[in-house]
mmCIF file of all heavy atoms, coordinates in Angstrom:
data_MODEL
# 
_entry.id   MODEL 
# 
loop_
_atom_site.group_PDB 
_atom_site.id 
_atom_site.type_symbol 
_atom_site.label_atom_id 
_atom_site.label_alt_id 
_atom_site.label_comp_id 
_atom_site.label_asym_id 
_atom_site.label_entity_id 
_atom_site.label_seq_id 
_atom_site.pdbx_PDB_ins_code 
_atom_site.Cartn_x 
_atom_site.Cartn_y 
_atom_site.Cartn_z 
_atom_site.occupancy 
_atom_site.B_iso_or_equiv 
_atom_site.pdbx_formal_charge 
_atom_site.auth_seq_id 
_atom_site.auth_comp_id 
_atom_site.auth_asym_id 
_atom_site.auth_atom_id 
_atom_site.pdbx_PDB_model_num 
ATOM 1   N N   . GLN A 1 1  ? 116.112 72.468 99.688  1.00 0.00 ? 1  GLN A N   1 
ATOM 2   C CA  . GLN A 1 1  ? 117.327 72.178 100.455 1.00 0.00 ? 1  GLN A CA  1 
ATOM 3   C C   . GLN A 1 1  ? 118.279 73.524 100.434 1.00 0.00 ? 1  GLN A C   1 
ATOM 4   O O   . GLN A 1 1  ? 118.968 73.722 101.377 1.00 0.00 ? 1  GLN A O   1 
ATOM 5   C CB  . GLN A 1 1  ? 118.204 71.007 99.715  1.00 0.00 ? 1  GLN A CB  1 
ATOM 6   C CG  . GLN A 1 1  ? 117.481 69.673 99.955  1.00 0.00 ? 1  GLN A CG  1 
ATOM 7   C CD  . GLN A 1 1  ? 118.307 68.591 99.206  1.00 0.00 ? 1  GLN A CD  1 
ATOM 8   O OE1 . GLN A 1 1  ? 118.667 68.770 98.057  1.00 0.00 ? 1  GLN A OE1 1 
ATOM 9   N NE2 . GLN A 1 1  ? 118.297 67.360 99.744  1.00 0.00 ? 1  GLN A NE2 1 
ATOM 10  N N   . ALA A 1 2  ? 118.316 74.124 99.226  1.00 0.00 ? 2  ALA A N   1 
ATOM 11  C CA  . ALA A 1 2  ? 119.107 75.312 99.182  1.00 0.00 ? 2  ALA A CA  1 
ATOM 12  C C   . ALA A 1 2  ? 118.577 76.400 100.163 1.00 0.00 ? 2  ALA A C   1 
ATOM 13  O O   . ALA A 1 2  ? 119.322 77.335 100.507 1.00 0.00 ? 2  ALA A O   1 
ATOM 14  C CB  . ALA A 1 2  ? 119.052 75.997 97.796  1.00 0.00 ? 2  ALA A CB  1 
ATOM 15  N N   . LYS A 1 3  ? 117.319 76.381 100.536 1.00 0.00 ? 3  LYS A N   1 
ATOM 16  C CA  . LYS A 1 3  ? 116.664 77.292 101.409 1.00 0.00 ? 3  LYS A CA  1 
ATOM 17  C C   . LYS A 1 3  ? 116.838 76.913 102.883 1.00 0.00 ? 3  LYS A C   1 
ATOM 18  O O   . LYS A 1 3  ? 116.251 77.501 103.782 1.00 0.00 ? 3  LYS A O   1 
ATOM 19  C CB  . LYS A 1 3  ? 115.285 77.493 101.050 1.00 0.00 ? 3  LYS A CB  1 
ATOM 20  C CG  . LYS A 1 3  ? 115.028 78.245 99.657  1.00 0.00 ? 3  LYS A CG  1 
ATOM 21  C CD  . LYS A 1 3  ? 113.555 78.376 99.295  1.00 0.00 ? 3  LYS A CD  1 
ATOM 22  C CE  . LYS A 1 3  ? 113.491 79.125 98.031  1.00 0.00 ? 3  LYS A CE  1 
ATOM 23  N NZ  . LYS A 1 3  ? 111.984 79.185 97.632  1.00 0.00 ? 3  LYS A NZ  1 
ATOM 24  N N   . GLY A 1 4  ? 117.461 75.776 103.081 1.00 0.00 ? 4  GLY A N   1 
ATOM 25  C CA  . GLY A 1 4  ? 117.770 75.323 104.469 1.00 0.00 ? 4  GLY A CA  1 
ATOM 26  C C   . GLY A 1 4  ? 116.889 74.102 104.976 1.00 0.00 ? 4  GLY A C   1 
ATOM 27  O O   . GLY A 1 4  ? 116.967 73.751 106.072 1.00 0.00 ? 4  GLY A O   1 
ATOM 28  N N   . VAL A 1 5  ? 116.000 73.697 104.033 1.00 0.00 ? 5  VAL A N   1 
ATOM 29  C CA  . VAL A 1 5  ? 115.215 72.509 104.404 1.00 0.00 ? 5  VAL A CA  1 
ATOM 30  C C   . VAL A 1 5  ? 115.994 71.197 104.045 1.00 0.00 ? 5  VAL A C   1 
ATOM 31  O O   . VAL A 1 5  ? 116.019 70.892 102.857 1.00 0.00 ? 5  VAL A O   1 
ATOM 32  C CB  . VAL A 1 5  ? 113.816 72.572 103.700 1.00 0.00 ? 5  VAL A CB  1 
ATOM 33  C CG1 . VAL A 1 5  ? 112.987 71.442 104.127 1.00 0.00 ? 5  VAL A CG1 1 
ATOM 34  C CG2 . VAL A 1 5  ? 113.092 73.915 103.926 1.00 0.00 ? 5  VAL A CG2 1 
ATOM 35  N N   . THR A 1 6  ? 116.552 70.613 104.973 1.00 0.00 ? 6  THR A N   1 
ATOM 36  C CA  . THR A 1 6  ? 117.565 69.587 104.669 1.00 0.00 ? 6  THR A CA  1 
ATOM 37  C C   . THR A 1 6  ? 117.077 68.105 105.087 1.00 0.00 ? 6  THR A C   1 
ATOM 38  O O   . THR A 1 6  ? 117.437 67.200 104.371 1.00 0.00 ? 6  THR A O   1 
ATOM 39  C CB  . THR A 1 6  ? 118.905 69.852 105.279 1.00 0.00 ? 6  THR A CB  1 
ATOM 40  O OG1 . THR A 1 6  ? 118.669 69.948 106.777 1.00 0.00 ? 6  THR A OG1 1 
ATOM 41  C CG2 . THR A 1 6  ? 119.417 71.185 104.796 1.00 0.00 ? 6  THR A CG2 1 
ATOM 42  N N   . THR A 1 7  ? 116.343 68.044 106.178 1.00 0.00 ? 7  THR A N   1 
ATOM 43  C CA  . THR A 1 7  ? 116.032 66.640 106.557 1.00 0.00 ? 7  THR A CA  1 
ATOM 44  C C   . THR A 1 7  ? 114.840 66.017 105.758 1.00 0.00 ? 7  THR A C   1 
ATOM 45  O O   . THR A 1 7  ? 114.131 66.848 105.195 1.00 0.00 ? 7  THR A O   1 
ATOM 46  C CB  . THR A 1 7  ? 115.594 66.562 108.065 1.00 0.00 ? 7  THR A CB  1 
ATOM 47  O OG1 . THR A 1 7  ? 114.351 67.247 108.175 1.00 0.00 ? 7  THR A OG1 1 
ATOM 48  C CG2 . THR A 1 7  ? 116.686 67.171 108.927 1.00 0.00 ? 7  THR A CG2 1 
ATOM 49  N N   . THR A 1 8  ? 114.751 64.751 105.566 1.00 0.00 ? 8  THR A N   1 
ATOM 50  C CA  . THR A 1 8  ? 113.725 64.198 104.755 1.00 0.00 ? 8  THR A CA  1 
ATOM 51  C C   . THR A 1 8  ? 112.336 64.484 105.328 1.00 0.00 ? 8  THR A C   1 
ATOM 52  O O   . THR A 1 8  ? 111.440 64.578 104.613 1.00 0.00 ? 8  THR A O   1 
ATOM 53  C CB  . THR A 1 8  ? 113.896 62.662 104.594 1.00 0.00 ? 8  THR A CB  1 
ATOM 54  O OG1 . THR A 1 8  ? 114.084 62.094 105.941 1.00 0.00 ? 8  THR A OG1 1 
ATOM 55  C CG2 . THR A 1 8  ? 115.227 62.327 103.803 1.00 0.00 ? 8  THR A CG2 1 
ATOM 56  N N   . ARG A 1 9  ? 112.246 64.517 106.685 1.00 0.00 ? 9  ARG A N   1 
ATOM 57  C CA  . ARG A 1 9  ? 110.922 64.780 107.274 1.00 0.00 ? 9  ARG A CA  1 
ATOM 58  C C   . ARG A 1 9  ? 110.552 66.208 106.991 1.00 0.00 ? 9  ARG A C   1 
ATOM 59  O O   . ARG A 1 9  ? 109.403 66.557 106.619 1.00 0.00 ? 9  ARG A O   1 
ATOM 60  C CB  . ARG A 1 9  ? 111.065 64.610 108.836 1.00 0.00 ? 9  ARG A CB  1 
ATOM 61  C CG  . ARG A 1 9  ? 109.794 64.848 109.473 1.00 0.00 ? 9  ARG A CG  1 
ATOM 62  C CD  . ARG A 1 9  ? 109.783 64.584 111.049 1.00 0.00 ? 9  ARG A CD  1 
ATOM 63  N NE  . ARG A 1 9  ? 110.085 63.110 111.195 1.00 0.00 ? 9  ARG A NE  1 
ATOM 64  C CZ  . ARG A 1 9  ? 109.200 62.228 111.132 1.00 0.00 ? 9  ARG A CZ  1 
ATOM 65  N NH1 . ARG A 1 9  ? 108.021 62.507 110.876 1.00 0.00 ? 9  ARG A NH1 1 
ATOM 66  N NH2 . ARG A 1 9  ? 109.542 60.951 111.317 1.00 0.00 ? 9  ARG A NH2 1 
ATOM 67  N N   . ALA A 1 10 ? 111.480 67.206 107.053 1.00 0.00 ? 10 ALA A N   1 
ATOM 68  C CA  . ALA A 1 10 ? 111.183 68.673 106.776 1.00 0.00 ? 10 ALA A CA  1 
ATOM 69  C C   . ALA A 1 10 ? 110.876 68.811 105.310 1.00 0.00 ? 10 ALA A C   1 
ATOM 70  O O   . ALA A 1 10 ? 109.912 69.548 104.971 1.00 0.00 ? 10 ALA A O   1 
ATOM 71  C CB  . ALA A 1 10 ? 112.358 69.485 107.172 1.00 0.00 ? 10 ALA A CB  1 
ATOM 72  N N   . LEU A 1 11 ? 111.511 68.034 104.398 1.00 0.00 ? 11 LEU A N   1 
ATOM 73  C CA  . LEU A 1 11 ? 111.293 68.121 103.025 1.00 0.00 ? 11 LEU A CA  1 
ATOM 74  C C   . LEU A 1 11 ? 109.836 67.544 102.686 1.00 0.00 ? 11 LEU A C   1 
ATOM 75  O O   . LEU A 1 11 ? 109.164 68.129 101.812 1.00 0.00 ? 11 LEU A O   1 
ATOM 76  C CB  . LEU A 1 11 ? 112.324 67.319 102.219 1.00 0.00 ? 11 LEU A CB  1 
ATOM 77  C CG  . LEU A 1 11 ? 113.694 67.986 102.207 1.00 0.00 ? 11 LEU A CG  1 
ATOM 78  C CD1 . LEU A 1 11 ? 114.752 66.922 101.661 1.00 0.00 ? 11 LEU A CD1 1 
ATOM 79  C CD2 . LEU A 1 11 ? 113.669 69.229 101.318 1.00 0.00 ? 11 LEU A CD2 1 
ATOM 80  N N   . ALA A 1 12 ? 109.539 66.528 103.328 1.00 0.00 ? 12 ALA A N   1 
ATOM 81  C CA  . ALA A 1 12 ? 108.243 65.908 103.131 1.00 0.00 ? 12 ALA A CA  1 
ATOM 82  C C   . ALA A 1 12 ? 107.125 66.885 103.533 1.00 0.00 ? 12 ALA A C   1 
ATOM 83  O O   . ALA A 1 12 ? 106.051 67.066 102.826 1.00 0.00 ? 12 ALA A O   1 
ATOM 84  C CB  . ALA A 1 12 ? 108.066 64.580 103.923 1.00 0.00 ? 12 ALA A CB  1 
ATOM 85  N N   . GLU A 1 13 ? 107.320 67.566 104.699 1.00 0.00 ? 13 GLU A N   1 
ATOM 86  C CA  . GLU A 1 13 ? 106.411 68.463 105.154 1.00 0.00 ? 13 GLU A CA  1 
ATOM 87  C C   . GLU A 1 13 ? 106.253 69.682 104.257 1.00 0.00 ? 13 GLU A C   1 
ATOM 88  O O   . GLU A 1 13 ? 105.131 70.273 103.968 1.00 0.00 ? 13 GLU A O   1 
ATOM 89  C CB  . GLU A 1 13 ? 106.735 68.951 106.567 1.00 0.00 ? 13 GLU A CB  1 
ATOM 90  C CG  . GLU A 1 13 ? 106.509 67.847 107.646 1.00 0.00 ? 13 GLU A CG  1 
ATOM 91  C CD  . GLU A 1 13 ? 107.078 68.374 108.987 1.00 0.00 ? 13 GLU A CD  1 
ATOM 92  O OE1 . GLU A 1 13 ? 107.708 69.409 109.007 1.00 0.00 ? 13 GLU A OE1 1 
ATOM 93  O OE2 . GLU A 1 13 ? 106.955 67.606 110.000 1.00 0.00 ? 13 GLU A OE2 1 
ATOM 94  N N   . ALA A 1 14 ? 107.370 70.092 103.681 1.00 0.00 ? 14 ALA A N   1 
ATOM 95  C CA  . ALA A 1 14 ? 107.373 71.285 102.810 1.00 0.00 ? 14 ALA A CA  1 
ATOM 96  C C   . ALA A 1 14 ? 106.650 70.987 101.486 1.00 0.00 ? 14 ALA A C   1 
ATOM 97  O O   . ALA A 1 14 ? 105.923 71.695 100.920 1.00 0.00 ? 14 ALA A O   1 
ATOM 98  C CB  . ALA A 1 14 ? 108.745 71.685 102.499 1.00 0.00 ? 14 ALA A CB  1 
ATOM 99  N N   . LEU A 1 15 ? 106.821 69.730 100.948 1.00 0.00 ? 15 LEU A N   1 
ATOM 100 C CA  . LEU A 1 15 ? 106.194 69.277 99.655  1.00 0.00 ? 15 LEU A CA  1 
ATOM 101 C C   . LEU A 1 15 ? 104.671 69.162 99.973  1.00 0.00 ? 15 LEU A C   1 
ATOM 102 O O   . LEU A 1 15 ? 103.937 69.633 98.953  1.00 0.00 ? 15 LEU A O   1 
ATOM 103 C CB  . LEU A 1 15 ? 106.780 67.997 99.217  1.00 0.00 ? 15 LEU A CB  1 
ATOM 104 C CG  . LEU A 1 15 ? 108.152 67.935 98.703  1.00 0.00 ? 15 LEU A CG  1 
ATOM 105 C CD1 . LEU A 1 15 ? 108.754 66.622 98.526  1.00 0.00 ? 15 LEU A CD1 1 
ATOM 106 C CD2 . LEU A 1 15 ? 108.230 68.798 97.388  1.00 0.00 ? 15 LEU A CD2 1 
ATOM 107 N N   . ASN A 1 16 ? 104.278 68.636 101.033 1.00 0.00 ? 16 ASN A N   1 
ATOM 108 C CA  . ASN A 1 16 ? 102.875 68.501 101.396 1.00 0.00 ? 16 ASN A CA  1 
ATOM 109 C C   . ASN A 1 16 ? 102.222 69.970 101.505 1.00 0.00 ? 16 ASN A C   1 
ATOM 110 O O   . ASN A 1 16 ? 101.117 70.202 101.055 1.00 0.00 ? 16 ASN A O   1 
ATOM 111 C CB  . ASN A 1 16 ? 102.594 67.782 102.615 1.00 0.00 ? 16 ASN A CB  1 
ATOM 112 C CG  . ASN A 1 16 ? 102.918 66.286 102.464 1.00 0.00 ? 16 ASN A CG  1 
ATOM 113 O OD1 . ASN A 1 16 ? 102.793 65.691 101.379 1.00 0.00 ? 16 ASN A OD1 1 
ATOM 114 N ND2 . ASN A 1 16 ? 103.378 65.582 103.467 1.00 0.00 ? 16 ASN A ND2 1 
ATOM 115 N N   . ALA A 1 17 ? 103.022 70.910 102.040 1.00 0.00 ? 17 ALA A N   1 
ATOM 116 C CA  . ALA A 1 17 ? 102.467 72.246 102.295 1.00 0.00 ? 17 ALA A CA  1 
ATOM 117 C C   . ALA A 1 17 ? 102.280 72.859 100.983 1.00 0.00 ? 17 ALA A C   1 
ATOM 118 O O   . ALA A 1 17 ? 101.365 73.767 100.809 1.00 0.00 ? 17 ALA A O   1 
ATOM 119 C CB  . ALA A 1 17 ? 103.418 73.009 103.203 1.00 0.00 ? 17 ALA A CB  1 
ATOM 120 N N   . ARG A 1 18 ? 103.092 72.583 99.973  1.00 0.00 ? 18 ARG A N   1 
ATOM 121 C CA  . ARG A 1 18 ? 103.001 73.212 98.636  1.00 0.00 ? 18 ARG A CA  1 
ATOM 122 C C   . ARG A 1 18 ? 101.877 72.537 97.760  1.00 0.00 ? 18 ARG A C   1 
ATOM 123 O O   . ARG A 1 18 ? 101.606 72.965 96.604  1.00 0.00 ? 18 ARG A O   1 
ATOM 124 C CB  . ARG A 1 18 ? 104.275 73.048 97.958  1.00 0.00 ? 18 ARG A CB  1 
ATOM 125 C CG  . ARG A 1 18 ? 105.370 73.963 98.444  1.00 0.00 ? 18 ARG A CG  1 
ATOM 126 C CD  . ARG A 1 18 ? 106.529 73.959 97.494  1.00 0.00 ? 18 ARG A CD  1 
ATOM 127 N NE  . ARG A 1 18 ? 107.660 74.860 97.958  1.00 0.00 ? 18 ARG A NE  1 
ATOM 128 C CZ  . ARG A 1 18 ? 108.597 75.287 97.220  1.00 0.00 ? 18 ARG A CZ  1 
ATOM 129 N NH1 . ARG A 1 18 ? 108.716 74.894 95.969  1.00 0.00 ? 18 ARG A NH1 1 
ATOM 130 N NH2 . ARG A 1 18 ? 109.585 76.096 97.717  1.00 0.00 ? 18 ARG A NH2 1 
ATOM 131 N N   . GLY A 1 19 ? 101.289 71.425 98.293  1.00 0.00 ? 19 GLY A N   1 
ATOM 132 C CA  . GLY A 1 19 ? 100.255 70.800 97.534  1.00 0.00 ? 19 GLY A CA  1 
ATOM 133 C C   . GLY A 1 19 ? 100.713 69.870 96.540  1.00 0.00 ? 19 GLY A C   1 
ATOM 134 O O   . GLY A 1 19 ? 99.966  69.357 95.644  1.00 0.00 ? 19 GLY A O   1 
ATOM 135 N N   . ILE A 1 20 ? 101.969 69.424 96.636  1.00 0.00 ? 20 ILE A N   1 
ATOM 136 C CA  . ILE A 1 20 ? 102.563 68.598 95.598  1.00 0.00 ? 20 ILE A CA  1 
ATOM 137 C C   . ILE A 1 20 ? 102.440 67.154 96.084  1.00 0.00 ? 20 ILE A C   1 
ATOM 138 O O   . ILE A 1 20 ? 102.706 66.843 97.244  1.00 0.00 ? 20 ILE A O   1 
ATOM 139 C CB  . ILE A 1 20 ? 104.146 68.878 95.389  1.00 0.00 ? 20 ILE A CB  1 
ATOM 140 C CG1 . ILE A 1 20 ? 104.214 70.293 94.796  1.00 0.00 ? 20 ILE A CG1 1 
ATOM 141 C CG2 . ILE A 1 20 ? 104.754 67.871 94.495  1.00 0.00 ? 20 ILE A CG2 1 
ATOM 142 C CD1 . ILE A 1 20 ? 105.694 70.739 94.851  1.00 0.00 ? 20 ILE A CD1 1 
ATOM 143 N N   . ARG A 1 21 ? 101.952 66.230 95.187  1.00 0.00 ? 21 ARG A N   1 
ATOM 144 C CA  . ARG A 1 21 ? 101.591 64.849 95.565  1.00 0.00 ? 21 ARG A CA  1 
ATOM 145 C C   . ARG A 1 21 ? 102.764 63.983 95.057  1.00 0.00 ? 21 ARG A C   1 
ATOM 146 O O   . ARG A 1 21 ? 103.497 64.374 94.221  1.00 0.00 ? 21 ARG A O   1 
ATOM 147 C CB  . ARG A 1 21 ? 100.229 64.396 94.972  1.00 0.00 ? 21 ARG A CB  1 
ATOM 148 C CG  . ARG A 1 21 ? 99.085  65.226 95.474  1.00 0.00 ? 21 ARG A CG  1 
ATOM 149 C CD  . ARG A 1 21 ? 98.899  64.940 96.928  1.00 0.00 ? 21 ARG A CD  1 
ATOM 150 N NE  . ARG A 1 21 ? 97.736  65.712 97.461  1.00 0.00 ? 21 ARG A NE  1 
ATOM 151 C CZ  . ARG A 1 21 ? 97.401  65.531 98.753  1.00 0.00 ? 21 ARG A CZ  1 
ATOM 152 N NH1 . ARG A 1 21 ? 98.045  64.895 99.629  1.00 0.00 ? 21 ARG A NH1 1 
ATOM 153 N NH2 . ARG A 1 21 ? 96.309  66.314 99.170  1.00 0.00 ? 21 ARG A NH2 1 
ATOM 154 N N   . THR A 1 22 ? 102.698 62.786 95.703  1.00 0.00 ? 22 THR A N   1 
ATOM 155 C CA  . THR A 1 22 ? 103.649 61.753 95.262  1.00 0.00 ? 22 THR A CA  1 
ATOM 156 C C   . THR A 1 22 ? 103.285 61.198 93.828  1.00 0.00 ? 22 THR A C   1 
ATOM 157 O O   . THR A 1 22 ? 102.273 61.541 93.298  1.00 0.00 ? 22 THR A O   1 
ATOM 158 C CB  . THR A 1 22 ? 103.877 60.612 96.193  1.00 0.00 ? 22 THR A CB  1 
ATOM 159 O OG1 . THR A 1 22 ? 102.535 59.877 96.279  1.00 0.00 ? 22 THR A OG1 1 
ATOM 160 C CG2 . THR A 1 22 ? 104.121 61.155 97.635  1.00 0.00 ? 22 THR A CG2 1 
ATOM 161 N N   . ALA A 1 23 ? 104.029 60.337 93.265  1.00 0.00 ? 23 ALA A N   1 
ATOM 162 C CA  . ALA A 1 23 ? 103.760 59.799 91.984  1.00 0.00 ? 23 ALA A CA  1 
ATOM 163 C C   . ALA A 1 23 ? 102.444 58.939 92.022  1.00 0.00 ? 23 ALA A C   1 
ATOM 164 O O   . ALA A 1 23 ? 101.825 58.810 91.022  1.00 0.00 ? 23 ALA A O   1 
ATOM 165 C CB  . ALA A 1 23 ? 104.859 58.792 91.639  1.00 0.00 ? 23 ALA A CB  1 
ATOM 166 N N   . ARG A 1 24 ? 102.091 58.433 93.180  1.00 0.00 ? 24 ARG A N   1 
ATOM 167 C CA  . ARG A 1 24 ? 100.812 57.769 93.365  1.00 0.00 ? 24 ARG A CA  1 
ATOM 168 C C   . ARG A 1 24 ? 99.719  58.632 93.871  1.00 0.00 ? 24 ARG A C   1 
ATOM 169 O O   . ARG A 1 24 ? 98.596  58.186 94.129  1.00 0.00 ? 24 ARG A O   1 
ATOM 170 C CB  . ARG A 1 24 ? 101.051 56.553 94.309  1.00 0.00 ? 24 ARG A CB  1 
ATOM 171 C CG  . ARG A 1 24 ? 101.954 55.454 93.729  1.00 0.00 ? 24 ARG A CG  1 
ATOM 172 C CD  . ARG A 1 24 ? 102.095 54.307 94.703  1.00 0.00 ? 24 ARG A CD  1 
ATOM 173 N NE  . ARG A 1 24 ? 102.943 53.216 94.227  1.00 0.00 ? 24 ARG A NE  1 
ATOM 174 C CZ  . ARG A 1 24 ? 103.089 52.067 94.743  1.00 0.00 ? 24 ARG A CZ  1 
ATOM 175 N NH1 . ARG A 1 24 ? 102.502 51.845 95.935  1.00 0.00 ? 24 ARG A NH1 1 
ATOM 176 N NH2 . ARG A 1 24 ? 103.987 51.240 94.197  1.00 0.00 ? 24 ARG A NH2 1 
ATOM 177 N N   . GLY A 1 25 ? 99.971  59.963 93.901  1.00 0.00 ? 25 GLY A N   1 
ATOM 178 C CA  . GLY A 1 25 ? 98.886  60.851 94.324  1.00 0.00 ? 25 GLY A CA  1 
ATOM 179 C C   . GLY A 1 25 ? 98.649  60.964 95.777  1.00 0.00 ? 25 GLY A C   1 
ATOM 180 O O   . GLY A 1 25 ? 97.700  61.542 96.214  1.00 0.00 ? 25 GLY A O   1 
ATOM 181 N N   . GLY A 1 26 ? 99.604  60.476 96.557  1.00 0.00 ? 26 GLY A N   1 
ATOM 182 C CA  . GLY A 1 26 ? 99.395  60.516 98.006  1.00 0.00 ? 26 GLY A CA  1 
ATOM 183 C C   . GLY A 1 26 ? 100.288 61.586 98.701  1.00 0.00 ? 26 GLY A C   1 
ATOM 184 O O   . GLY A 1 26 ? 100.865 62.416 98.007  1.00 0.00 ? 26 GLY A O   1 
# 
């Protein structure tokens, strides 16, 4: 968010791009 990624959709895409999974591994 501090880097300008503010919407939930953009945040989701950024987390997926980093290879970070959700609590359930998805």
